[in-house]
Full PDB file with SEQRES, HELIX, SHEET, SSBOND, CRYST1, ORIGX, SCALE, CONECT and MASTER records, all heavy atoms in Angstrom:
SEQRES   1 A   41  LEU TYR ASN MET GLY TRP TYR ARG GLN ALA PRO GLY LYS          
SEQRES   2 A   41  GLN ARG GLU LEU VAL ALA THR ILE THR ARG GLY GLY SER          
SEQRES   3 A   41  LEU ASN TYR ALA ASP PHE VAL LYS GLY ARG PHE THR ILE          
SEQRES   4 A   41  SER ARG                                                      
HELIX    1 AA1 ASP A   31  VAL A   33  5                                   3    
SHEET    1 AA1 3 MET A   4  ARG A   8  0                                        
SHEET    2 AA1 3 GLU A  16  ILE A  21 -1                                        
SHEET    3 AA1 3 LEU A  27  TYR A  29 -1                                        
CRYST1    1.000    1.000    1.000  90.00  90.00  90.00 P 1           1          
ORIGX1      1.000000  0.000000  0.000000        0.00000                         
ORIGX2      0.000000  1.000000  0.000000        0.00000                         
ORIGX3      0.000000  0.000000  1.000000        0.00000                         
SCALE1      1.000000  0.000000  0.000000        0.00000                         
SCALE2      0.000000  1.000000  0.000000        0.00000                         
SCALE3      0.000000  0.000000  1.000000        0.00000                         
ATOM      1  N   LEU A   1      97.192  86.248 144.976  1.00  0.00           N  
ATOM      2  CA  LEU A   1      95.822  86.153 144.493  1.00  0.00           C  
ATOM      3  C   LEU A   1      95.733  85.921 142.986  1.00  0.00           C  
ATOM      4  O   LEU A   1      94.637  85.693 142.474  1.00  0.00           O  
ATOM      5  CB  LEU A   1      95.042  87.417 144.837  1.00  0.00           C  
ATOM      6  CG  LEU A   1      94.817  87.701 146.331  1.00  0.00           C  
ATOM      7  CD1 LEU A   1      94.084  89.024 146.498  1.00  0.00           C  
ATOM      8  CD2 LEU A   1      94.045  86.570 146.988  1.00  0.00           C  
ATOM      9  N   TYR A   2      96.852  85.975 142.292  1.00  0.00           N  
ATOM     10  CA  TYR A   2      96.852  85.908 140.837  1.00  0.00           C  
ATOM     11  C   TYR A   2      97.222  84.526 140.321  1.00  0.00           C  
ATOM     12  O   TYR A   2      98.103  83.859 140.869  1.00  0.00           O  
ATOM     13  CB  TYR A   2      97.831  86.926 140.248  1.00  0.00           C  
ATOM     14  CG  TYR A   2      97.353  88.352 140.327  1.00  0.00           C  
ATOM     15  CD1 TYR A   2      97.595  89.126 141.452  1.00  0.00           C  
ATOM     16  CD2 TYR A   2      96.660  88.928 139.274  1.00  0.00           C  
ATOM     17  CE1 TYR A   2      97.156  90.431 141.532  1.00  0.00           C  
ATOM     18  CE2 TYR A   2      96.217  90.233 139.338  1.00  0.00           C  
ATOM     19  CZ  TYR A   2      96.467  90.980 140.473  1.00  0.00           C  
ATOM     20  OH  TYR A   2      96.025  92.286 140.534  1.00  0.00           O  
ATOM     21  N   ASN A   3      96.541  84.146 139.266  1.00  0.00           N  
ATOM     22  CA  ASN A   3      96.996  83.041 138.444  1.00  0.00           C  
ATOM     23  C   ASN A   3      98.010  83.597 137.446  1.00  0.00           C  
ATOM     24  O   ASN A   3      97.796  84.659 136.858  1.00  0.00           O  
ATOM     25  CB  ASN A   3      95.828  82.405 137.699  1.00  0.00           C  
ATOM     26  CG  ASN A   3      94.718  81.990 138.638  1.00  0.00           C  
ATOM     27  OD1 ASN A   3      94.913  81.155 139.516  1.00  0.00           O  
ATOM     28  ND2 ASN A   3      93.532  82.562 138.440  1.00  0.00           N  
ATOM     29  N   MET A   4      99.107  82.888 137.263  1.00  0.00           N  
ATOM     30  CA  MET A   4     100.188  83.368 136.419  1.00  0.00           C  
ATOM     31  C   MET A   4     100.336  82.489 135.188  1.00  0.00           C  
ATOM     32  O   MET A   4     100.071  81.284 135.222  1.00  0.00           O  
ATOM     33  CB  MET A   4     101.503  83.386 137.190  1.00  0.00           C  
ATOM     34  CG  MET A   4     101.472  84.224 138.458  1.00  0.00           C  
ATOM     35  SD  MET A   4     101.127  85.979 138.128  1.00  0.00           S  
ATOM     36  CE  MET A   4     102.555  86.423 137.125  1.00  0.00           C  
ATOM     37  N   GLY A   5     100.779  83.104 134.115  1.00  0.00           N  
ATOM     38  CA  GLY A   5     100.974  82.344 132.898  1.00  0.00           C  
ATOM     39  C   GLY A   5     102.077  82.912 132.035  1.00  0.00           C  
ATOM     40  O   GLY A   5     102.459  84.080 132.168  1.00  0.00           O  
ATOM     41  N   TRP A   6     102.594  82.055 131.184  1.00  0.00           N  
ATOM     42  CA  TRP A   6     103.534  82.454 130.142  1.00  0.00           C  
ATOM     43  C   TRP A   6     102.911  82.165 128.791  1.00  0.00           C  
ATOM     44  O   TRP A   6     102.358  81.077 128.564  1.00  0.00           O  
ATOM     45  CB  TRP A   6     104.866  81.719 130.269  1.00  0.00           C  
ATOM     46  CG  TRP A   6     105.692  82.158 131.438  1.00  0.00           C  
ATOM     47  CD1 TRP A   6     105.757  81.596 132.664  1.00  0.00           C  
ATOM     48  CD2 TRP A   6     106.593  83.274 131.465  1.00  0.00           C  
ATOM     49  NE1 TRP A   6     106.628  82.279 133.470  1.00  0.00           N  
ATOM     50  CE2 TRP A   6     107.162  83.316 132.760  1.00  0.00           C  
ATOM     51  CE3 TRP A   6     106.981  84.236 130.535  1.00  0.00           C  
ATOM     52  CZ2 TRP A   6     108.094  84.280 133.141  1.00  0.00           C  
ATOM     53  CZ3 TRP A   6     107.903  85.198 130.917  1.00  0.00           C  
ATOM     54  CH2 TRP A   6     108.447  85.207 132.201  1.00  0.00           C  
ATOM     55  N   TYR A   7     103.005  83.138 127.904  1.00  0.00           N  
ATOM     56  CA  TYR A   7     102.521  83.038 126.542  1.00  0.00           C  
ATOM     57  C   TYR A   7     103.642  83.434 125.604  1.00  0.00           C  
ATOM     58  O   TYR A   7     104.612  84.070 126.018  1.00  0.00           O  
ATOM     59  CB  TYR A   7     101.314  83.952 126.332  1.00  0.00           C  
ATOM     60  CG  TYR A   7     100.104  83.580 127.160  1.00  0.00           C  
ATOM     61  CD1 TYR A   7     100.084  83.806 128.531  1.00  0.00           C  
ATOM     62  CD2 TYR A   7      98.983  83.007 126.564  1.00  0.00           C  
ATOM     63  CE1 TYR A   7      98.981  83.462 129.296  1.00  0.00           C  
ATOM     64  CE2 TYR A   7      97.873  82.673 127.325  1.00  0.00           C  
ATOM     65  CZ  TYR A   7      97.876  82.900 128.684  1.00  0.00           C  
ATOM     66  OH  TYR A   7      96.779  82.563 129.432  1.00  0.00           O  
ATOM     67  N   ARG A   8     103.513  83.068 124.349  1.00  0.00           N  
ATOM     68  CA  ARG A   8     104.541  83.448 123.390  1.00  0.00           C  
ATOM     69  C   ARG A   8     103.911  83.814 122.058  1.00  0.00           C  
ATOM     70  O   ARG A   8     102.811  83.367 121.726  1.00  0.00           O  
ATOM     71  CB  ARG A   8     105.571  82.333 123.200  1.00  0.00           C  
ATOM     72  CG  ARG A   8     105.073  81.111 122.446  1.00  0.00           C  
ATOM     73  CD  ARG A   8     106.137  80.027 122.455  1.00  0.00           C  
ATOM     74  NE  ARG A   8     105.799  78.912 121.586  1.00  0.00           N  
ATOM     75  CZ  ARG A   8     106.497  77.785 121.499  1.00  0.00           C  
ATOM     76  NH1 ARG A   8     107.589  77.626 122.248  1.00  0.00           N  
ATOM     77  NH2 ARG A   8     106.108  76.825 120.669  1.00  0.00           N  
ATOM     78  N   GLN A   9     104.616  84.634 121.311  1.00  0.00           N  
ATOM     79  CA  GLN A   9     104.164  85.054 119.998  1.00  0.00           C  
ATOM     80  C   GLN A   9     105.354  85.089 119.052  1.00  0.00           C  
ATOM     81  O   GLN A   9     106.293  85.855 119.256  1.00  0.00           O  
ATOM     82  CB  GLN A   9     103.492  86.420 120.062  1.00  0.00           C  
ATOM     83  CG  GLN A   9     102.843  86.840 118.765  1.00  0.00           C  
ATOM     84  CD  GLN A   9     101.919  88.033 118.933  1.00  0.00           C  
ATOM     85  OE1 GLN A   9     102.018  88.779 119.900  1.00  0.00           O  
ATOM     86  NE2 GLN A   9     101.004  88.201 118.000  1.00  0.00           N  
ATOM     87  N   ALA A  10     105.300  84.257 118.044  1.00  0.00           N  
ATOM     88  CA  ALA A  10     106.317  84.222 117.016  1.00  0.00           C  
ATOM     89  C   ALA A  10     105.913  85.142 115.872  1.00  0.00           C  
ATOM     90  O   ALA A  10     104.730  85.465 115.705  1.00  0.00           O  
ATOM     91  CB  ALA A  10     106.509  82.795 116.511  1.00  0.00           C  
ATOM     92  N   PRO A  11     106.875  85.577 115.059  1.00  0.00           N  
ATOM     93  CA  PRO A  11     106.543  86.451 113.934  1.00  0.00           C  
ATOM     94  C   PRO A  11     105.482  85.835 113.032  1.00  0.00           C  
ATOM     95  O   PRO A  11     105.583  84.676 112.635  1.00  0.00           O  
ATOM     96  CB  PRO A  11     107.874  86.605 113.200  1.00  0.00           C  
ATOM     97  CG  PRO A  11     108.906  86.393 114.260  1.00  0.00           C  
ATOM     98  CD  PRO A  11     108.325  85.354 115.164  1.00  0.00           C  
ATOM     99  N   GLY A  12     104.450  86.612 112.719  1.00  0.00           N  
ATOM    100  CA  GLY A  12     103.384  86.158 111.851  1.00  0.00           C  
ATOM    101  C   GLY A  12     102.408  85.194 112.484  1.00  0.00           C  
ATOM    102  O   GLY A  12     101.542  84.657 111.785  1.00  0.00           O  
ATOM    103  N   LYS A  13     102.513  84.959 113.786  1.00  0.00           N  
ATOM    104  CA  LYS A  13     101.660  84.001 114.469  1.00  0.00           C  
ATOM    105  C   LYS A  13     100.853  84.688 115.561  1.00  0.00           C  
ATOM    106  O   LYS A  13     101.200  85.772 116.031  1.00  0.00           O  
ATOM    107  CB  LYS A  13     102.493  82.880 115.082  1.00  0.00           C  
ATOM    108  CG  LYS A  13     103.427  82.178 114.116  1.00  0.00           C  
ATOM    109  CD  LYS A  13     102.809  80.931 113.551  1.00  0.00           C  
ATOM    110  CE  LYS A  13     102.777  79.832 114.583  1.00  0.00           C  
ATOM    111  NZ  LYS A  13     102.355  78.536 114.004  1.00  0.00           N  
ATOM    112  N   GLN A  14      99.774  84.057 115.969  1.00  0.00           N  
ATOM    113  CA  GLN A  14      98.983  84.529 117.090  1.00  0.00           C  
ATOM    114  C   GLN A  14      99.679  84.197 118.405  1.00  0.00           C  
ATOM    115  O   GLN A  14     100.454  83.237 118.493  1.00  0.00           O  
ATOM    116  CB  GLN A  14      97.593  83.899 117.076  1.00  0.00           C  
ATOM    117  CG  GLN A  14      96.723  84.312 115.903  1.00  0.00           C  
ATOM    118  CD  GLN A  14      96.154  85.689 116.083  1.00  0.00           C  
ATOM    119  OE1 GLN A  14      96.786  86.689 115.738  1.00  0.00           O  
ATOM    120  NE2 GLN A  14      94.949  85.761 116.630  1.00  0.00           N  
ATOM    121  N   ARG A  15      99.378  84.992 119.425  1.00  0.00           N  
ATOM    122  CA  ARG A  15      99.906  84.685 120.740  1.00  0.00           C  
ATOM    123  C   ARG A  15      99.295  83.376 121.244  1.00  0.00           C  
ATOM    124  O   ARG A  15      98.089  83.148 121.107  1.00  0.00           O  
ATOM    125  CB  ARG A  15      99.592  85.830 121.702  1.00  0.00           C  
ATOM    126  CG  ARG A  15     100.282  85.709 123.047  1.00  0.00           C  
ATOM    127  CD  ARG A  15     100.101  86.975 123.882  1.00  0.00           C  
ATOM    128  NE  ARG A  15     100.678  88.135 123.222  1.00  0.00           N  
ATOM    129  CZ  ARG A  15     100.754  89.342 123.765  1.00  0.00           C  
ATOM    130  NH1 ARG A  15     100.292  89.554 124.994  1.00  0.00           N  
ATOM    131  NH2 ARG A  15     101.290  90.343 123.076  1.00  0.00           N  
ATOM    132  N   GLU A  16     100.119  82.519 121.828  1.00  0.00           N  
ATOM    133  CA  GLU A  16      99.657  81.227 122.274  1.00  0.00           C  
ATOM    134  C   GLU A  16     100.098  80.949 123.704  1.00  0.00           C  
ATOM    135  O   GLU A  16     101.139  81.418 124.154  1.00  0.00           O  
ATOM    136  CB  GLU A  16     100.158  80.107 121.353  1.00  0.00           C  
ATOM    137  CG  GLU A  16     101.667  79.977 121.289  1.00  0.00           C  
ATOM    138  CD  GLU A  16     102.126  78.931 120.284  1.00  0.00           C  
ATOM    139  OE1 GLU A  16     101.280  78.199 119.740  1.00  0.00           O  
ATOM    140  OE2 GLU A  16     103.354  78.838 120.041  1.00  0.00           O  
ATOM    141  N   LEU A  17      99.292  80.170 124.393  1.00  0.00           N  
ATOM    142  CA  LEU A  17      99.595  79.793 125.765  1.00  0.00           C  
ATOM    143  C   LEU A  17     100.756  78.814 125.793  1.00  0.00           C  
ATOM    144  O   LEU A  17     100.810  77.872 125.002  1.00  0.00           O  
ATOM    145  CB  LEU A  17      98.366  79.178 126.426  1.00  0.00           C  
ATOM    146  CG  LEU A  17      98.484  78.815 127.909  1.00  0.00           C  
ATOM    147  CD1 LEU A  17      97.136  79.013 128.602  1.00  0.00           C  
ATOM    148  CD2 LEU A  17      98.933  77.372 128.087  1.00  0.00           C  
ATOM    149  N   VAL A  18     101.681  79.047 126.714  1.00  0.00           N  
ATOM    150  CA  VAL A  18     102.796  78.145 126.943  1.00  0.00           C  
ATOM    151  C   VAL A  18     102.568  77.328 128.209  1.00  0.00           C  
ATOM    152  O   VAL A  18     102.628  76.099 128.187  1.00  0.00           O  
ATOM    153  CB  VAL A  18     104.128  78.909 127.034  1.00  0.00           C  
ATOM    154  CG1 VAL A  18     105.274  77.961 127.372  1.00  0.00           C  
ATOM    155  CG2 VAL A  18     104.408  79.652 125.734  1.00  0.00           C  
ATOM    156  N   ALA A  19     102.308  78.004 129.315  1.00  0.00           N  
ATOM    157  CA  ALA A  19     102.122  77.330 130.588  1.00  0.00           C  
ATOM    158  C   ALA A  19     101.421  78.265 131.551  1.00  0.00           C  
ATOM    159  O   ALA A  19     101.560  79.485 131.457  1.00  0.00           O  
ATOM    160  CB  ALA A  19     103.462  76.877 131.184  1.00  0.00           C  
ATOM    161  N   THR A  20     100.674  77.688 132.491  1.00  0.00           N  
ATOM    162  CA  THR A  20     100.030  78.469 133.536  1.00  0.00           C  
ATOM    163  C   THR A  20     100.224  77.799 134.881  1.00  0.00           C  
ATOM    164  O   THR A  20     100.410  76.578 134.968  1.00  0.00           O  
ATOM    165  CB  THR A  20      98.526  78.655 133.295  1.00  0.00           C  
ATOM    166  OG1 THR A  20      97.878  77.385 133.263  1.00  0.00           O  
ATOM    167  CG2 THR A  20      98.264  79.408 131.996  1.00  0.00           C  
ATOM    168  N   ILE A  21     100.184  78.610 135.913  1.00  0.00           N  
ATOM    169  CA  ILE A  21     100.184  78.120 137.287  1.00  0.00           C  
ATOM    170  C   ILE A  21      99.183  78.951 138.064  1.00  0.00           C  
ATOM    171  O   ILE A  21      99.230  80.176 138.059  1.00  0.00           O  
ATOM    172  CB  ILE A  21     101.599  78.158 137.907  1.00  0.00           C  
ATOM    173  CG1 ILE A  21     101.577  77.609 139.333  1.00  0.00           C  
ATOM    174  CG2 ILE A  21     102.191  79.560 137.853  1.00  0.00           C  
ATOM    175  CD1 ILE A  21     102.976  77.341 139.888  1.00  0.00           C  
ATOM    176  N   THR A  22      98.237  78.292 138.722  1.00  0.00           N  
ATOM    177  CA  THR A  22      97.218  79.005 139.472  1.00  0.00           C  
ATOM    178  C   THR A  22      97.763  79.491 140.797  1.00  0.00           C  
ATOM    179  O   THR A  22      98.878  79.152 141.205  1.00  0.00           O  
ATOM    180  CB  THR A  22      95.999  78.114 139.724  1.00  0.00           C  
ATOM    181  OG1 THR A  22      96.351  77.096 140.672  1.00  0.00           O  
ATOM    182  CG2 THR A  22      95.505  77.476 138.439  1.00  0.00           C  
ATOM    183  N   ARG A  23      96.950  80.299 141.481  1.00  0.00           N  
ATOM    184  CA  ARG A  23      97.356  80.771 142.794  1.00  0.00           C  
ATOM    185  C   ARG A  23      97.486  79.618 143.788  1.00  0.00           C  
ATOM    186  O   ARG A  23      98.175  79.756 144.794  1.00  0.00           O  
ATOM    187  CB  ARG A  23      96.371  81.818 143.313  1.00  0.00           C  
ATOM    188  CG  ARG A  23      94.931  81.338 143.429  1.00  0.00           C  
ATOM    189  CD  ARG A  23      94.017  82.525 143.723  1.00  0.00           C  
ATOM    190  NE  ARG A  23      92.615  82.143 143.775  1.00  0.00           N  
ATOM    191  CZ  ARG A  23      91.965  81.798 144.880  1.00  0.00           C  
ATOM    192  NH1 ARG A  23      92.602  81.784 146.041  1.00  0.00           N  
ATOM    193  NH2 ARG A  23      90.684  81.473 144.825  1.00  0.00           N  
ATOM    194  N   GLY A  24      96.837  78.502 143.502  1.00  0.00           N  
ATOM    195  CA  GLY A  24      96.951  77.323 144.328  1.00  0.00           C  
ATOM    196  C   GLY A  24      98.042  76.362 143.905  1.00  0.00           C  
ATOM    197  O   GLY A  24      98.245  75.339 144.571  1.00  0.00           O  
ATOM    198  N   GLY A  25      98.735  76.659 142.803  1.00  0.00           N  
ATOM    199  CA  GLY A  25      99.850  75.845 142.370  1.00  0.00           C  
ATOM    200  C   GLY A  25      99.534  74.799 141.321  1.00  0.00           C  
ATOM    201  O   GLY A  25     100.413  73.987 140.987  1.00  0.00           O  
ATOM    202  N   SER A  26      98.313  74.787 140.785  1.00  0.00           N  
ATOM    203  CA  SER A  26      97.982  73.842 139.728  1.00  0.00           C  
ATOM    204  C   SER A  26      98.662  74.248 138.425  1.00  0.00           C  
ATOM    205  O   SER A  26      98.704  75.424 138.077  1.00  0.00           O  
ATOM    206  CB  SER A  26      96.477  73.766 139.525  1.00  0.00           C  
ATOM    207  OG  SER A  26      95.839  73.265 140.685  1.00  0.00           O  
ATOM    208  N   LEU A  27      99.162  73.261 137.696  1.00  0.00           N  
ATOM    209  CA  LEU A  27      99.964  73.498 136.502  1.00  0.00           C  
ATOM    210  C   LEU A  27      99.234  73.077 135.243  1.00  0.00           C  
ATOM    211  O   LEU A  27      98.480  72.105 135.236  1.00  0.00           O  
ATOM    212  CB  LEU A  27     101.277  72.728 136.596  1.00  0.00           C  
ATOM    213  CG  LEU A  27     102.112  72.957 137.854  1.00  0.00           C  
ATOM    214  CD1 LEU A  27     103.313  72.024 137.852  1.00  0.00           C  
ATOM    215  CD2 LEU A  27     102.547  74.407 137.946  1.00  0.00           C  
ATOM    216  N   ASN A  28      99.478  73.809 134.179  1.00  0.00           N  
ATOM    217  CA  ASN A  28      98.965  73.462 132.875  1.00  0.00           C  
ATOM    218  C   ASN A  28      99.997  73.842 131.826  1.00  0.00           C  
ATOM    219  O   ASN A  28     100.566  74.932 131.883  1.00  0.00           O  
ATOM    220  CB  ASN A  28      97.638  74.171 132.595  1.00  0.00           C  
ATOM    221  CG  ASN A  28      97.074  73.852 131.231  1.00  0.00           C  
ATOM    222  OD1 ASN A  28      97.119  74.680 130.317  1.00  0.00           O  
ATOM    223  ND2 ASN A  28      96.543  72.646 131.079  1.00  0.00           N  
ATOM    224  N   TYR A  29     100.236  72.931 130.868  1.00  0.00           N  
ATOM    225  CA  TYR A  29     101.225  73.158 129.827  1.00  0.00           C  
ATOM    226  C   TYR A  29     100.642  72.914 128.459  1.00  0.00           C  
ATOM    227  O   TYR A  29      99.827  72.006 128.270  1.00  0.00           O  
ATOM    228  CB  TYR A  29     102.425  72.230 130.005  1.00  0.00           C  
ATOM    229  CG  TYR A  29     103.227  72.462 131.256  1.00  0.00           C  
ATOM    230  CD1 TYR A  29     103.009  71.696 132.398  1.00  0.00           C  
ATOM    231  CD2 TYR A  29     104.212  73.439 131.300  1.00  0.00           C  
ATOM    232  CE1 TYR A  29     103.746  71.902 133.549  1.00  0.00           C  
ATOM    233  CE2 TYR A  29     104.953  73.653 132.444  1.00  0.00           C  
ATOM    234  CZ  TYR A  29     104.719  72.878 133.568  1.00  0.00           C  
ATOM    235  OH  TYR A  29     105.454  73.080 134.707  1.00  0.00           O  
ATOM    236  N   ALA A  30     101.086  73.709 127.501  1.00  0.00           N  
ATOM    237  CA  ALA A  30     100.791  73.407 126.117  1.00  0.00           C  
ATOM    238  C   ALA A  30     101.507  72.121 125.721  1.00  0.00           C  
ATOM    239  O   ALA A  30     102.586  71.809 126.236  1.00  0.00           O  
ATOM    240  CB  ALA A  30     101.236  74.556 125.214  1.00  0.00           C  
ATOM    241  N   ASP A  31     100.905  71.377 124.800  1.00  0.00           N  
ATOM    242  CA  ASP A  31     101.487  70.097 124.402  1.00  0.00           C  
ATOM    243  C   ASP A  31     102.903  70.246 123.860  1.00  0.00           C  
ATOM    244  O   ASP A  31     103.749  69.361 124.061  1.00  0.00           O  
ATOM    245  CB  ASP A  31     100.601  69.422 123.353  1.00  0.00           C  
ATOM    246  CG  ASP A  31      99.309  68.876 123.940  1.00  0.00           C  
ATOM    247  OD1 ASP A  31      99.229  68.705 125.160  1.00  0.00           O  
ATOM    248  OD2 ASP A  31      98.376  68.613 123.147  1.00  0.00           O  
ATOM    249  N   PHE A  32     103.183  71.337 123.189  1.00  0.00           N  
ATOM    250  CA  PHE A  32     104.468  71.475 122.526  1.00  0.00           C  
ATOM    251  C   PHE A  32     105.623  71.754 123.478  1.00  0.00           C  
ATOM    252  O   PHE A  32     106.782  71.761 123.050  1.00  0.00           O  
ATOM    253  CB  PHE A  32     104.410  72.554 121.431  1.00  0.00           C  
ATOM    254  CG  PHE A  32     103.935  73.906 121.886  1.00  0.00           C  
ATOM    255  CD1 PHE A  32     104.795  74.789 122.511  1.00  0.00           C  
ATOM    256  CD2 PHE A  32     102.622  74.299 121.665  1.00  0.00           C  
ATOM    257  CE1 PHE A  32     104.364  76.040 122.920  1.00  0.00           C  
ATOM    258  CE2 PHE A  32     102.178  75.549 122.069  1.00  0.00           C  
ATOM    259  CZ  PHE A  32     103.050  76.415 122.699  1.00  0.00           C  
ATOM    260  N   VAL A  33     105.328  71.981 124.774  1.00  0.00           N  
ATOM    261  CA  VAL A  33     106.402  72.217 125.741  1.00  0.00           C  
ATOM    262  C   VAL A  33     106.429  71.189 126.860  1.00  0.00           C  
ATOM    263  O   VAL A  33     107.344  71.239 127.701  1.00  0.00           O  
ATOM    264  CB  VAL A  33     106.333  73.631 126.341  1.00  0.00           C  
ATOM    265  CG1 VAL A  33     106.409  74.687 125.254  1.00  0.00           C  
ATOM    266  CG2 VAL A  33     105.079  73.801 127.191  1.00  0.00           C  
ATOM    267  N   LYS A  34     105.489  70.274 126.883  1.00  0.00           N  
ATOM    268  CA  LYS A  34     105.452  69.277 127.949  1.00  0.00           C  
ATOM    269  C   LYS A  34     106.742  68.464 127.977  1.00  0.00           C  
ATOM    270  O   LYS A  34     107.217  67.989 126.956  1.00  0.00           O  
ATOM    271  CB  LYS A  34     104.251  68.351 127.778  1.00  0.00           C  
ATOM    272  CG  LYS A  34     102.935  68.978 128.185  1.00  0.00           C  
ATOM    273  CD  LYS A  34     101.788  67.996 128.061  1.00  0.00           C  
ATOM    274  CE  LYS A  34     100.489  68.630 128.526  1.00  0.00           C  
ATOM    275  NZ  LYS A  34      99.332  67.714 128.360  1.00  0.00           N  
ATOM    276  N   GLY A  35     107.297  68.327 129.165  1.00  0.00           N  
ATOM    277  CA  GLY A  35     108.541  67.604 129.331  1.00  0.00           C  
ATOM    278  C   GLY A  35     109.776  68.439 129.114  1.00  0.00           C  
ATOM    279  O   GLY A  35     110.890  67.973 129.392  1.00  0.00           O  
ATOM    280  N   ARG A  36     109.621  69.652 128.625  1.00  0.00           N  
ATOM    281  CA  ARG A  36     110.763  70.525 128.363  1.00  0.00           C  
ATOM    282  C   ARG A  36     110.742  71.792 129.214  1.00  0.00           C  
ATOM    283  O   ARG A  36     111.784  72.256 129.658  1.00  0.00           O  
ATOM    284  CB  ARG A  36     110.817  70.918 126.891  1.00  0.00           C  
ATOM    285  CG  ARG A  36     110.951  69.738 125.942  1.00  0.00           C  
ATOM    286  CD  ARG A  36     111.247  70.205 124.518  1.00  0.00           C  
ATOM    287  NE  ARG A  36     110.156  71.013 123.968  1.00  0.00           N  
ATOM    288  CZ  ARG A  36     110.298  72.258 123.513  1.00  0.00           C  
ATOM    289  NH1 ARG A  36     111.489  72.846 123.524  1.00  0.00           N  
ATOM    290  NH2 ARG A  36     109.258  72.917 123.019  1.00  0.00           N  
ATOM    291  N   PHE A  37     109.552  72.365 129.419  1.00  0.00           N  
ATOM    292  CA  PHE A  37     109.419  73.622 130.155  1.00  0.00           C  
ATOM    293  C   PHE A  37     108.780  73.357 131.512  1.00  0.00           C  
ATOM    294  O   PHE A  37     107.950  72.449 131.666  1.00  0.00           O  
ATOM    295  CB  PHE A  37     108.537  74.615 129.397  1.00  0.00           C  
ATOM    296  CG  PHE A  37     109.120  75.156 128.116  1.00  0.00           C  
ATOM    297  CD1 PHE A  37     110.288  74.652 127.567  1.00  0.00           C  
ATOM    298  CD2 PHE A  37     108.472  76.192 127.455  1.00  0.00           C  
ATOM    299  CE1 PHE A  37     110.809  75.152 126.388  1.00  0.00           C  
ATOM    300  CE2 PHE A  37     108.983  76.708 126.269  1.00  0.00           C  
ATOM    301  CZ  PHE A  37     110.147  76.186 125.737  1.00  0.00           C  
ATOM    302  N   THR A  38     109.127  74.186 132.481  1.00  0.00           N  
ATOM    303  CA  THR A  38     108.540  74.113 133.809  1.00  0.00           C  
ATOM    304  C   THR A  38     108.180  75.508 134.288  1.00  0.00           C  
ATOM    305  O   THR A  38     109.034  76.393 134.309  1.00  0.00           O  
ATOM    306  CB  THR A  38     109.499  73.465 134.817  1.00  0.00           C  
ATOM    307  OG1 THR A  38     109.880  72.160 134.367  1.00  0.00           O  
ATOM    308  CG2 THR A  38     108.828  73.336 136.185  1.00  0.00           C  
ATOM    309  N   ILE A  39     106.920  75.697 134.660  1.00  0.00           N  
ATOM    310  CA  ILE A  39     106.488  76.959 135.244  1.00  0.00           C  
ATOM    311  C   ILE A  39     106.461  76.808 136.760  1.00  0.00           C  
ATOM    312  O   ILE A  39     106.113  75.747 137.288  1.00  0.00           O  
ATOM    313  CB  ILE A  39     105.114  77.397 134.701  1.00  0.00           C  
ATOM    314  CG1 ILE A  39     104.776  78.823 135.157  1.00  0.00           C  
ATOM    315  CG2 ILE A  39     104.022  76.420 135.092  1.00  0.00           C  
ATOM    316  CD1 ILE A  39     103.540  79.410 134.486  1.00  0.00           C  
ATOM    317  N   SER A  40     106.846  77.861 137.454  1.00  0.00           N  
ATOM    318  CA  SER A  40     106.831  77.853 138.909  1.00  0.00           C  
ATOM    319  C   SER A  40     106.585  79.266 139.407  1.00  0.00           C  
ATOM    320  O   SER A  40     106.584  80.219 138.636  1.00  0.00           O  
ATOM    321  CB  SER A  40     108.138  77.284 139.474  1.00  0.00           C  
ATOM    322  OG  SER A  40     109.247  78.073 139.081  1.00  0.00           O  
ATOM    323  N   ARG A  41     106.373  79.384 140.704  1.00  0.00           N  
ATOM    324  CA  ARG A  41     106.152  80.702 141.284  1.00  0.00           C  
ATOM    325  C   ARG A  41     106.688  80.745 142.694  1.00  0.00           C  
ATOM    326  O   ARG A  41     106.766  79.723 143.386  1.00  0.00           O  
ATOM    327  CB  ARG A  41     104.659  81.068 141.276  1.00  0.00           C  
ATOM    328  CG  ARG A  41     103.805  80.204 142.196  1.00  0.00           C  
ATOM    329  CD  ARG A  41     102.315  80.469 141.981  1.00  0.00           C  
ATOM    330  NE  ARG A  41     101.941  81.821 142.370  1.00  0.00           N  
ATOM    331  CZ  ARG A  41     100.859  82.454 141.928  1.00  0.00           C  
ATOM    332  NH1 ARG A  41     100.054  81.859 141.051  1.00  0.00           N  
ATOM    333  NH2 ARG A  41     100.584  83.686 142.352  1.00  0.00           N  
TER     334      ARG A  41                                                      
MASTER        0    0    0    1    3    0    0    6  333    1    0    4          
END                                                                             
């Protein structure tokens, strides 16, 4: 029932979205990781 996501926080920076995957499997990626990172469940 949950949408899942990965976020990251570097020193001195705000937490930022990396990637999400909905309960239905829809994917969303931050521009800085497209083509490099893959989220799955």
